[in-house]
Amino acid sequence: MLKGGEGLKRVLFSLMTLAAVLSIAGAGSFAYFIDTENSPDNTFSAGTCGPVKIDIKPGSFPNCINPHSRGVIPVAILTTADFDARDVDVDTVRFGPRGAWAVEWDFGDVDSDGDLDMILYFRTQDTGIRAGDTKAELVLTVDGWQIGDSDSVRTVPPWDEGDPEGNEVELLEPAPEPEE
């Protein structure tokens, strides 16, 4: 039998140890990355975690993608209270099952919240999105941590006369500045 509060001390010590272990495990799982190699396509997948949020084809839903398109897919990285998209190093961003690199990027307020979001453009055929896929993932590195998010997609067949639902956009050259 334990004397004078000895049992209470042991219980409190056990609870404090458990709380410390859980807090370390929780901090370690805040951002995670799962890398699976599937040759010959060299594909990977990333786990969804905060604080980054994305929007594939901002302003449209469903996010229709023709995997055979020779266009680009716009993907926005949204600025939130916990994450500033202006701090993203575009060289660390990968999108889709094949981890495509952005071919163009810009900033704009795509979600009308007054904050600048980053809009990246990925060549559709470089992403590895295939017919039947229902989501696509984006991964980036921030302060040495690989983080990511996913958004829903709806793959559609190719059309001969264009896409009435607004398929991928073609990457255009910027308009020339007017001469004064």
N, C-alpha and C. Protein backbone atom coordinates (compact mmCIF):
# COMPACT_ATOMS: atom_id res chain seq x y z
N MET A 1 0.83 -1.18 0.00
CA MET A 1 0.00 0.00 0.00
C MET A 1 0.88 1.25 0.00
N LEU A 2 0.47 2.27 -0.73
CA LEU A 2 1.22 3.51 -0.85
C LEU A 2 0.86 4.44 0.29
N LYS A 3 1.85 5.22 0.75
CA LYS A 3 1.64 6.10 1.89
C LYS A 3 1.48 7.54 1.45
N GLY A 4 0.67 8.30 2.20
CA GLY A 4 0.55 9.74 2.15
C GLY A 4 0.63 10.41 0.80
N GLY A 5 -0.25 10.12 -0.10
CA GLY A 5 -0.30 10.81 -1.39
C GLY A 5 0.65 10.24 -2.43
N GLU A 6 1.37 9.17 -2.10
CA GLU A 6 2.30 8.54 -3.04
C GLU A 6 1.57 8.08 -4.30
N GLY A 7 0.37 7.51 -4.15
CA GLY A 7 -0.42 7.06 -5.31
C GLY A 7 -0.86 8.22 -6.17
N LEU A 8 -1.26 9.33 -5.53
CA LEU A 8 -1.67 10.51 -6.28
C LEU A 8 -0.50 11.09 -7.07
N LYS A 9 0.71 11.08 -6.50
CA LYS A 9 1.90 11.57 -7.20
C LYS A 9 2.17 10.72 -8.45
N ARG A 10 2.05 9.42 -8.33
CA ARG A 10 2.29 8.53 -9.47
C ARG A 10 1.27 8.76 -10.58
N VAL A 11 0.01 8.93 -10.19
CA VAL A 11 -1.05 9.18 -11.18
C VAL A 11 -0.79 10.50 -11.89
N LEU A 12 -0.46 11.56 -11.13
CA LEU A 12 -0.18 12.86 -11.74
C LEU A 12 1.05 12.79 -12.65
N PHE A 13 2.10 12.09 -12.21
CA PHE A 13 3.29 11.93 -13.04
C PHE A 13 2.95 11.20 -14.34
N SER A 14 2.14 10.16 -14.25
CA SER A 14 1.73 9.41 -15.45
C SER A 14 0.92 10.28 -16.40
N LEU A 15 0.01 11.09 -15.87
CA LEU A 15 -0.79 11.98 -16.70
C LEU A 15 0.07 13.04 -17.38
N MET A 16 1.04 13.59 -16.64
CA MET A 16 1.93 14.60 -17.23
C MET A 16 2.79 13.99 -18.33
N THR A 17 3.27 12.78 -18.13
CA THR A 17 4.06 12.09 -19.15
C THR A 17 3.22 11.83 -20.39
N LEU A 18 2.01 11.38 -20.20
CA LEU A 18 1.10 11.12 -21.32
C LEU A 18 0.81 12.41 -22.08
N ALA A 19 0.57 13.51 -21.36
CA ALA A 19 0.29 14.80 -22.01
C ALA A 19 1.49 15.25 -22.83
N ALA A 20 2.70 15.08 -22.32
CA ALA A 20 3.91 15.48 -23.05
C ALA A 20 4.07 14.65 -24.33
N VAL A 21 3.86 13.35 -24.23
CA VAL A 21 3.99 12.48 -25.41
C VAL A 21 2.95 12.85 -26.47
N LEU A 22 1.71 13.09 -26.05
CA LEU A 22 0.65 13.45 -27.00
C LEU A 22 0.91 14.80 -27.66
N SER A 23 1.44 15.76 -26.92
CA SER A 23 1.71 17.07 -27.52
C SER A 23 2.84 16.97 -28.54
N ILE A 24 3.86 16.17 -28.26
CA ILE A 24 4.95 15.97 -29.23
C ILE A 24 4.42 15.27 -30.47
N ALA A 25 3.61 14.24 -30.30
CA ALA A 25 3.05 13.53 -31.45
C ALA A 25 2.14 14.44 -32.26
N GLY A 26 1.36 15.27 -31.58
CA GLY A 26 0.47 16.21 -32.28
C GLY A 26 1.24 17.22 -33.09
N ALA A 27 2.32 17.76 -32.53
CA ALA A 27 3.13 18.75 -33.26
C ALA A 27 3.80 18.09 -34.46
N GLY A 28 4.23 16.85 -34.30
CA GLY A 28 4.89 16.16 -35.41
C GLY A 28 3.95 15.81 -36.54
N SER A 29 2.66 15.70 -36.25
CA SER A 29 1.71 15.34 -37.30
C SER A 29 1.03 16.56 -37.91
N PHE A 30 1.43 17.79 -37.51
CA PHE A 30 0.83 19.01 -38.07
C PHE A 30 1.03 19.05 -39.58
N ALA A 31 2.24 18.77 -40.03
CA ALA A 31 2.52 18.75 -41.46
C ALA A 31 3.21 17.43 -41.76
N TYR A 32 2.75 16.73 -42.77
CA TYR A 32 3.35 15.46 -43.10
C TYR A 32 3.37 15.29 -44.61
N PHE A 33 4.20 14.37 -45.06
CA PHE A 33 4.34 14.11 -46.49
C PHE A 33 4.49 12.61 -46.66
N ILE A 34 3.74 12.06 -47.57
CA ILE A 34 3.83 10.64 -47.88
C ILE A 34 4.32 10.54 -49.32
N ASP A 35 5.41 9.87 -49.53
CA ASP A 35 5.98 9.75 -50.86
C ASP A 35 5.95 8.28 -51.26
N THR A 36 5.23 7.97 -52.32
CA THR A 36 5.20 6.60 -52.81
C THR A 36 5.64 6.59 -54.26
N GLU A 37 6.62 5.79 -54.56
CA GLU A 37 7.17 5.69 -55.90
C GLU A 37 6.42 4.60 -56.66
N ASN A 38 5.92 4.92 -57.84
CA ASN A 38 5.22 3.97 -58.69
C ASN A 38 5.82 4.06 -60.08
N SER A 39 6.88 3.37 -60.33
CA SER A 39 7.50 3.40 -61.66
C SER A 39 6.59 2.69 -62.64
N PRO A 40 6.54 2.98 -63.92
CA PRO A 40 7.41 3.92 -64.62
C PRO A 40 6.87 5.34 -64.63
N ASP A 41 5.69 5.60 -64.09
CA ASP A 41 5.11 6.94 -64.15
C ASP A 41 5.73 7.91 -63.17
N ASN A 42 6.54 7.41 -62.21
CA ASN A 42 7.19 8.27 -61.23
C ASN A 42 6.17 9.16 -60.52
N THR A 43 5.15 8.54 -59.94
CA THR A 43 4.08 9.30 -59.29
C THR A 43 4.30 9.38 -57.80
N PHE A 44 3.66 10.35 -57.18
CA PHE A 44 3.70 10.47 -55.73
C PHE A 44 2.35 10.97 -55.26
N SER A 45 2.10 10.81 -53.97
CA SER A 45 0.89 11.37 -53.40
C SER A 45 1.24 12.05 -52.10
N ALA A 46 0.49 13.07 -51.75
CA ALA A 46 0.78 13.83 -50.54
C ALA A 46 -0.43 13.82 -49.63
N GLY A 47 -0.18 13.79 -48.35
CA GLY A 47 -1.25 13.85 -47.39
C GLY A 47 -1.79 15.26 -47.25
N THR A 48 -3.06 15.38 -46.96
CA THR A 48 -3.66 16.69 -46.78
C THR A 48 -3.36 17.19 -45.37
N CYS A 49 -2.91 18.40 -45.27
CA CYS A 49 -2.63 18.97 -43.97
C CYS A 49 -2.72 20.47 -44.05
N GLY A 50 -2.77 21.12 -42.91
CA GLY A 50 -2.84 22.56 -42.87
C GLY A 50 -1.44 23.13 -42.84
N PRO A 51 -1.30 24.41 -42.97
CA PRO A 51 -2.37 25.38 -43.10
C PRO A 51 -2.70 25.75 -44.54
N VAL A 52 -2.04 25.14 -45.54
CA VAL A 52 -2.26 25.55 -46.92
C VAL A 52 -3.62 25.07 -47.44
N LYS A 53 -4.29 25.93 -48.20
CA LYS A 53 -5.56 25.59 -48.85
C LYS A 53 -5.44 25.93 -50.33
N ILE A 54 -5.98 25.06 -51.19
CA ILE A 54 -5.91 25.30 -52.63
C ILE A 54 -7.31 25.33 -53.24
N ASP A 55 -7.37 25.90 -54.43
CA ASP A 55 -8.60 25.90 -55.23
C ASP A 55 -8.20 25.64 -56.68
N ILE A 56 -8.56 24.46 -57.18
CA ILE A 56 -8.28 24.11 -58.57
C ILE A 56 -9.31 24.80 -59.44
N LYS A 57 -8.86 25.45 -60.50
CA LYS A 57 -9.72 26.20 -61.41
C LYS A 57 -10.61 27.16 -60.63
N PRO A 58 -10.00 28.16 -59.97
CA PRO A 58 -10.78 29.09 -59.13
C PRO A 58 -11.98 29.67 -59.87
N GLY A 59 -13.10 29.73 -59.16
CA GLY A 59 -14.32 30.28 -59.73
C GLY A 59 -15.18 29.27 -60.45
N SER A 60 -14.73 28.01 -60.53
CA SER A 60 -15.55 27.01 -61.21
C SER A 60 -15.80 25.82 -60.29
N PHE A 61 -16.94 25.21 -60.48
CA PHE A 61 -17.27 23.96 -59.81
C PHE A 61 -18.35 23.27 -60.62
N PRO A 62 -18.21 22.03 -60.97
CA PRO A 62 -17.08 21.18 -60.65
C PRO A 62 -15.83 21.60 -61.44
N ASN A 63 -14.69 21.14 -60.96
CA ASN A 63 -13.41 21.46 -61.58
C ASN A 63 -13.14 20.46 -62.70
N CYS A 64 -13.73 20.73 -63.89
CA CYS A 64 -13.65 19.81 -65.02
C CYS A 64 -12.28 19.88 -65.68
N ILE A 65 -11.68 18.71 -65.87
CA ILE A 65 -10.36 18.62 -66.50
C ILE A 65 -10.39 17.54 -67.56
N ASN A 66 -9.95 17.91 -68.76
CA ASN A 66 -9.76 16.96 -69.85
C ASN A 66 -8.29 16.52 -69.80
N PRO A 67 -8.01 15.28 -69.36
CA PRO A 67 -6.63 14.84 -69.23
C PRO A 67 -5.82 14.90 -70.53
N HIS A 68 -6.51 14.95 -71.68
CA HIS A 68 -5.81 14.99 -72.97
C HIS A 68 -5.56 16.41 -73.46
N SER A 69 -6.02 17.41 -72.70
CA SER A 69 -5.87 18.80 -73.11
C SER A 69 -4.40 19.20 -73.20
N ARG A 70 -4.11 20.08 -74.14
CA ARG A 70 -2.76 20.63 -74.25
C ARG A 70 -2.69 21.99 -73.58
N GLY A 71 -3.72 22.35 -72.81
CA GLY A 71 -3.76 23.62 -72.10
C GLY A 71 -3.14 23.52 -70.73
N VAL A 72 -3.47 24.48 -69.89
CA VAL A 72 -2.95 24.51 -68.52
C VAL A 72 -4.11 24.52 -67.53
N ILE A 73 -3.81 24.09 -66.32
CA ILE A 73 -4.79 24.07 -65.24
C ILE A 73 -4.38 25.13 -64.22
N PRO A 74 -5.24 26.12 -63.96
CA PRO A 74 -4.92 27.09 -62.90
C PRO A 74 -5.24 26.50 -61.52
N VAL A 75 -4.33 26.71 -60.59
CA VAL A 75 -4.52 26.27 -59.21
C VAL A 75 -4.12 27.43 -58.31
N ALA A 76 -5.02 27.82 -57.41
CA ALA A 76 -4.74 28.92 -56.48
C ALA A 76 -4.31 28.36 -55.13
N ILE A 77 -3.26 28.96 -54.58
CA ILE A 77 -2.89 28.73 -53.18
C ILE A 77 -3.46 29.93 -52.43
N LEU A 78 -4.39 29.66 -51.54
CA LEU A 78 -5.13 30.72 -50.88
C LEU A 78 -4.39 31.26 -49.65
N THR A 79 -4.41 32.57 -49.50
CA THR A 79 -3.91 33.20 -48.28
C THR A 79 -5.01 33.09 -47.23
N THR A 80 -4.63 32.65 -46.04
CA THR A 80 -5.57 32.52 -44.92
C THR A 80 -5.00 33.27 -43.71
N ALA A 81 -5.70 33.22 -42.61
CA ALA A 81 -5.21 33.86 -41.39
C ALA A 81 -3.90 33.22 -40.92
N ASP A 82 -3.68 31.94 -41.25
CA ASP A 82 -2.49 31.21 -40.81
C ASP A 82 -1.43 31.03 -41.88
N PHE A 83 -1.70 31.49 -43.11
CA PHE A 83 -0.77 31.21 -44.20
C PHE A 83 -0.82 32.32 -45.23
N ASP A 84 0.34 32.87 -45.59
CA ASP A 84 0.44 33.93 -46.59
C ASP A 84 1.01 33.35 -47.88
N ALA A 85 0.18 33.27 -48.90
CA ALA A 85 0.60 32.67 -50.18
C ALA A 85 1.74 33.44 -50.83
N ARG A 86 1.94 34.70 -50.47
CA ARG A 86 3.04 35.47 -51.05
C ARG A 86 4.40 34.94 -50.60
N ASP A 87 4.43 34.13 -49.54
CA ASP A 87 5.68 33.57 -49.04
C ASP A 87 6.07 32.26 -49.71
N VAL A 88 5.26 31.77 -50.64
CA VAL A 88 5.52 30.48 -51.28
C VAL A 88 6.68 30.61 -52.27
N ASP A 89 7.61 29.69 -52.19
CA ASP A 89 8.69 29.58 -53.18
C ASP A 89 8.17 28.69 -54.30
N VAL A 90 7.86 29.28 -55.44
CA VAL A 90 7.22 28.55 -56.54
C VAL A 90 8.06 27.36 -57.00
N ASP A 91 9.37 27.41 -56.78
CA ASP A 91 10.24 26.30 -57.20
C ASP A 91 10.02 25.04 -56.37
N THR A 92 9.28 25.14 -55.25
CA THR A 92 9.03 23.97 -54.41
C THR A 92 7.64 23.38 -54.65
N VAL A 93 6.84 24.00 -55.50
CA VAL A 93 5.45 23.59 -55.69
C VAL A 93 5.36 22.49 -56.75
N ARG A 94 4.63 21.42 -56.43
CA ARG A 94 4.38 20.32 -57.38
C ARG A 94 2.88 20.04 -57.37
N PHE A 95 2.33 19.64 -58.54
CA PHE A 95 0.89 19.42 -58.63
C PHE A 95 0.58 18.16 -59.43
N GLY A 96 -0.41 17.41 -58.94
CA GLY A 96 -0.90 16.23 -59.64
C GLY A 96 -0.10 14.98 -59.32
N PRO A 97 -0.57 13.84 -59.81
CA PRO A 97 0.08 12.56 -59.53
C PRO A 97 1.54 12.49 -59.99
N ARG A 98 1.89 13.22 -61.05
CA ARG A 98 3.28 13.22 -61.53
C ARG A 98 4.10 14.36 -60.97
N GLY A 99 3.51 15.20 -60.17
CA GLY A 99 4.27 16.29 -59.56
C GLY A 99 4.74 17.33 -60.56
N ALA A 100 3.82 17.87 -61.36
CA ALA A 100 4.17 18.86 -62.38
C ALA A 100 4.65 20.16 -61.74
N TRP A 101 5.57 20.82 -62.42
CA TRP A 101 6.06 22.13 -62.02
C TRP A 101 5.21 23.21 -62.68
N ALA A 102 5.05 24.34 -62.02
CA ALA A 102 4.28 25.45 -62.58
C ALA A 102 5.03 26.05 -63.77
N VAL A 103 4.28 26.37 -64.83
CA VAL A 103 4.88 27.01 -66.00
C VAL A 103 4.69 28.52 -65.97
N GLU A 104 3.79 28.99 -65.11
CA GLU A 104 3.51 30.42 -64.97
C GLU A 104 2.83 30.61 -63.62
N TRP A 105 2.94 31.81 -63.05
CA TRP A 105 2.25 32.12 -61.81
C TRP A 105 2.04 33.61 -61.70
N ASP A 106 1.08 33.97 -60.83
CA ASP A 106 0.73 35.36 -60.63
C ASP A 106 0.03 35.47 -59.27
N PHE A 107 -0.32 36.68 -58.88
CA PHE A 107 -1.05 36.90 -57.64
C PHE A 107 -2.35 37.61 -57.93
N GLY A 108 -3.40 37.27 -57.19
CA GLY A 108 -4.70 37.91 -57.32
C GLY A 108 -5.58 37.45 -56.18
N ASP A 109 -6.68 38.13 -55.97
CA ASP A 109 -7.62 37.79 -54.90
C ASP A 109 -8.71 36.89 -55.47
N VAL A 110 -8.46 35.59 -55.55
CA VAL A 110 -9.40 34.68 -56.20
C VAL A 110 -10.62 34.36 -55.34
N ASP A 111 -10.49 34.49 -54.02
CA ASP A 111 -11.62 34.16 -53.14
C ASP A 111 -12.30 35.40 -52.55
N SER A 112 -11.98 36.57 -53.08
CA SER A 112 -12.63 37.84 -52.71
C SER A 112 -12.62 38.13 -51.22
N ASP A 113 -11.50 37.80 -50.55
CA ASP A 113 -11.40 38.09 -49.12
C ASP A 113 -10.47 39.26 -48.82
N GLY A 114 -9.97 39.91 -49.87
CA GLY A 114 -9.09 41.06 -49.70
C GLY A 114 -7.62 40.71 -49.59
N ASP A 115 -7.27 39.41 -49.58
CA ASP A 115 -5.88 38.97 -49.50
C ASP A 115 -5.40 38.51 -50.87
N LEU A 116 -4.09 38.68 -51.13
CA LEU A 116 -3.53 38.19 -52.38
C LEU A 116 -3.27 36.69 -52.28
N ASP A 117 -3.78 35.95 -53.26
CA ASP A 117 -3.56 34.51 -53.37
C ASP A 117 -2.59 34.28 -54.53
N MET A 118 -1.90 33.14 -54.51
CA MET A 118 -1.00 32.80 -55.61
C MET A 118 -1.74 31.90 -56.59
N ILE A 119 -1.71 32.25 -57.88
CA ILE A 119 -2.32 31.42 -58.92
C ILE A 119 -1.20 30.84 -59.77
N LEU A 120 -1.16 29.52 -59.84
CA LEU A 120 -0.13 28.83 -60.62
C LEU A 120 -0.80 28.11 -61.78
N TYR A 121 -0.06 27.93 -62.86
CA TYR A 121 -0.57 27.26 -64.05
C TYR A 121 0.31 26.06 -64.35
N PHE A 122 -0.34 24.89 -64.50
CA PHE A 122 0.38 23.64 -64.75
C PHE A 122 -0.09 23.05 -66.07
N ARG A 123 0.85 22.58 -66.89
CA ARG A 123 0.47 21.91 -68.15
C ARG A 123 -0.31 20.65 -67.80
N THR A 124 -1.51 20.54 -68.35
CA THR A 124 -2.40 19.44 -68.03
C THR A 124 -1.72 18.09 -68.21
N GLN A 125 -1.06 17.90 -69.32
CA GLN A 125 -0.47 16.60 -69.60
C GLN A 125 0.73 16.29 -68.71
N ASP A 126 1.33 17.30 -68.09
CA ASP A 126 2.45 17.06 -67.17
C ASP A 126 1.97 16.62 -65.78
N THR A 127 0.69 16.88 -65.47
CA THR A 127 0.19 16.60 -64.12
C THR A 127 -0.01 15.11 -63.85
N GLY A 128 -0.29 14.33 -64.88
CA GLY A 128 -0.57 12.91 -64.67
C GLY A 128 -2.00 12.64 -64.27
N ILE A 129 -2.87 13.65 -64.31
CA ILE A 129 -4.28 13.42 -64.01
C ILE A 129 -4.86 12.54 -65.11
N ARG A 130 -5.57 11.49 -64.71
CA ARG A 130 -6.11 10.51 -65.66
C ARG A 130 -7.63 10.47 -65.58
N ALA A 131 -8.24 9.93 -66.62
CA ALA A 131 -9.69 9.76 -66.64
C ALA A 131 -10.12 8.98 -65.40
N GLY A 132 -11.16 9.48 -64.75
CA GLY A 132 -11.67 8.83 -63.55
C GLY A 132 -11.13 9.38 -62.25
N ASP A 133 -10.06 10.18 -62.28
CA ASP A 133 -9.54 10.78 -61.05
C ASP A 133 -10.61 11.70 -60.46
N THR A 134 -10.68 11.75 -59.13
CA THR A 134 -11.68 12.58 -58.46
C THR A 134 -11.06 13.68 -57.61
N LYS A 135 -9.73 13.66 -57.47
CA LYS A 135 -9.06 14.74 -56.74
C LYS A 135 -7.64 14.87 -57.27
N ALA A 136 -7.08 16.04 -57.03
CA ALA A 136 -5.67 16.28 -57.38
C ALA A 136 -5.03 17.01 -56.21
N GLU A 137 -3.75 16.73 -55.99
CA GLU A 137 -3.05 17.26 -54.84
C GLU A 137 -1.93 18.20 -55.25
N LEU A 138 -1.68 19.17 -54.39
CA LEU A 138 -0.59 20.11 -54.57
C LEU A 138 0.29 20.03 -53.33
N VAL A 139 1.60 20.00 -53.53
CA VAL A 139 2.57 19.92 -52.44
C VAL A 139 3.57 21.05 -52.60
N LEU A 140 3.98 21.65 -51.48
CA LEU A 140 5.01 22.68 -51.51
C LEU A 140 5.83 22.59 -50.24
N THR A 141 6.96 23.26 -50.24
CA THR A 141 7.84 23.27 -49.08
C THR A 141 7.86 24.66 -48.48
N VAL A 142 7.61 24.74 -47.17
CA VAL A 142 7.64 26.00 -46.43
C VAL A 142 8.50 25.78 -45.19
N ASP A 143 9.54 26.57 -45.04
CA ASP A 143 10.44 26.47 -43.89
C ASP A 143 10.92 25.04 -43.66
N GLY A 144 11.22 24.33 -44.74
CA GLY A 144 11.73 22.97 -44.64
C GLY A 144 10.66 21.90 -44.46
N TRP A 145 9.40 22.30 -44.31
CA TRP A 145 8.30 21.34 -44.15
C TRP A 145 7.57 21.18 -45.47
N GLN A 146 7.31 19.94 -45.89
CA GLN A 146 6.50 19.70 -47.07
C GLN A 146 5.05 19.61 -46.62
N ILE A 147 4.22 20.47 -47.20
CA ILE A 147 2.80 20.50 -46.84
C ILE A 147 1.99 20.45 -48.12
N GLY A 148 0.72 20.13 -48.01
CA GLY A 148 -0.10 20.05 -49.21
C GLY A 148 -1.58 20.08 -48.92
N ASP A 149 -2.33 20.13 -49.99
CA ASP A 149 -3.78 20.11 -49.91
C ASP A 149 -4.29 19.51 -51.21
N SER A 150 -5.54 19.10 -51.23
CA SER A 150 -6.14 18.56 -52.44
C SER A 150 -7.49 19.24 -52.67
N ASP A 151 -7.96 19.12 -53.90
CA ASP A 151 -9.26 19.66 -54.28
C ASP A 151 -9.89 18.65 -55.25
N SER A 152 -11.20 18.69 -55.35
CA SER A 152 -11.90 17.75 -56.23
C SER A 152 -11.70 18.12 -57.69
N VAL A 153 -11.69 17.10 -58.54
CA VAL A 153 -11.67 17.28 -59.99
C VAL A 153 -12.68 16.33 -60.61
N ARG A 154 -13.15 16.69 -61.78
CA ARG A 154 -14.03 15.82 -62.56
C ARG A 154 -13.40 15.71 -63.94
N THR A 155 -12.93 14.52 -64.28
CA THR A 155 -12.32 14.36 -65.59
C THR A 155 -13.42 14.22 -66.64
N VAL A 156 -13.17 14.83 -67.79
CA VAL A 156 -14.15 14.84 -68.88
C VAL A 156 -13.46 14.39 -70.16
N PRO A 157 -14.23 13.85 -71.09
CA PRO A 157 -13.64 13.42 -72.35
C PRO A 157 -13.28 14.62 -73.22
N PRO A 158 -12.39 14.42 -74.19
CA PRO A 158 -12.05 15.53 -75.10
C PRO A 158 -13.23 15.87 -76.01
N TRP A 159 -13.31 17.13 -76.38
CA TRP A 159 -14.34 17.60 -77.29
C TRP A 159 -13.70 18.02 -78.59
N ASP A 160 -14.45 17.88 -79.68
CA ASP A 160 -13.96 18.34 -80.97
C ASP A 160 -14.12 19.85 -81.11
N GLU A 161 -15.16 20.40 -80.51
CA GLU A 161 -15.51 21.81 -80.70
C GLU A 161 -15.27 22.65 -79.46
N GLY A 162 -14.42 22.25 -78.56
CA GLY A 162 -14.19 23.03 -77.34
C GLY A 162 -15.08 22.54 -76.21
N ASP A 163 -14.87 23.03 -75.04
CA ASP A 163 -15.56 22.57 -73.84
C ASP A 163 -16.59 23.60 -73.40
N PRO A 164 -17.89 23.26 -73.47
CA PRO A 164 -18.91 24.21 -73.07
C PRO A 164 -18.89 24.52 -71.57
N GLU A 165 -18.24 23.67 -70.75
CA GLU A 165 -18.19 23.92 -69.31
C GLU A 165 -16.94 24.69 -68.91
N GLY A 166 -16.14 25.12 -69.85
CA GLY A 166 -14.94 25.89 -69.52
C GLY A 166 -13.77 25.03 -69.12
N ASN A 167 -13.30 24.20 -70.04
CA ASN A 167 -12.16 23.34 -69.77
C ASN A 167 -10.91 24.18 -69.54
N GLU A 168 -9.75 23.57 -69.46
CA GLU A 168 -8.52 24.27 -69.15
C GLU A 168 -8.35 25.52 -70.01
N VAL A 169 -7.66 26.47 -69.45
CA VAL A 169 -7.41 27.71 -70.17
C VAL A 169 -6.11 27.58 -70.95
N GLU A 170 -6.02 28.29 -72.05
CA GLU A 170 -4.78 28.34 -72.82
C GLU A 170 -3.93 29.44 -72.22
N LEU A 171 -2.64 29.21 -72.10
CA LEU A 171 -1.72 30.20 -71.57
C LEU A 171 -1.47 31.24 -72.65
N LEU A 172 -1.82 32.48 -72.37
CA LEU A 172 -1.69 33.56 -73.35
C LEU A 172 -0.56 34.49 -72.96
N GLU A 173 -0.01 35.15 -73.95
CA GLU A 173 0.99 36.18 -73.71
C GLU A 173 0.29 37.40 -73.14
N PRO A 174 0.95 38.15 -72.24
CA PRO A 174 0.31 39.36 -71.71
C PRO A 174 0.12 40.40 -72.81
N ALA A 175 -0.94 41.19 -72.67
CA ALA A 175 -1.21 42.25 -73.64
C ALA A 175 -0.13 43.31 -73.55
N PRO A 176 0.28 43.86 -74.70
CA PRO A 176 1.32 44.90 -74.65
C PRO A 176 0.80 46.15 -73.96
N GLU A 177 1.71 46.86 -73.31
CA GLU A 177 1.37 48.11 -72.64
C GLU A 177 1.03 49.15 -73.71
N PRO A 178 0.01 49.98 -73.49
CA PRO A 178 -0.31 51.03 -74.48
C PRO A 178 0.79 52.07 -74.50
N GLU A 179 1.11 52.52 -75.71
CA GLU A 179 2.15 53.55 -75.85
C GLU A 179 1.57 54.90 -75.54
N GLU A 180 2.36 55.75 -74.91
CA GLU A 180 1.89 57.07 -74.55
C GLU A 180 2.42 58.11 -75.48
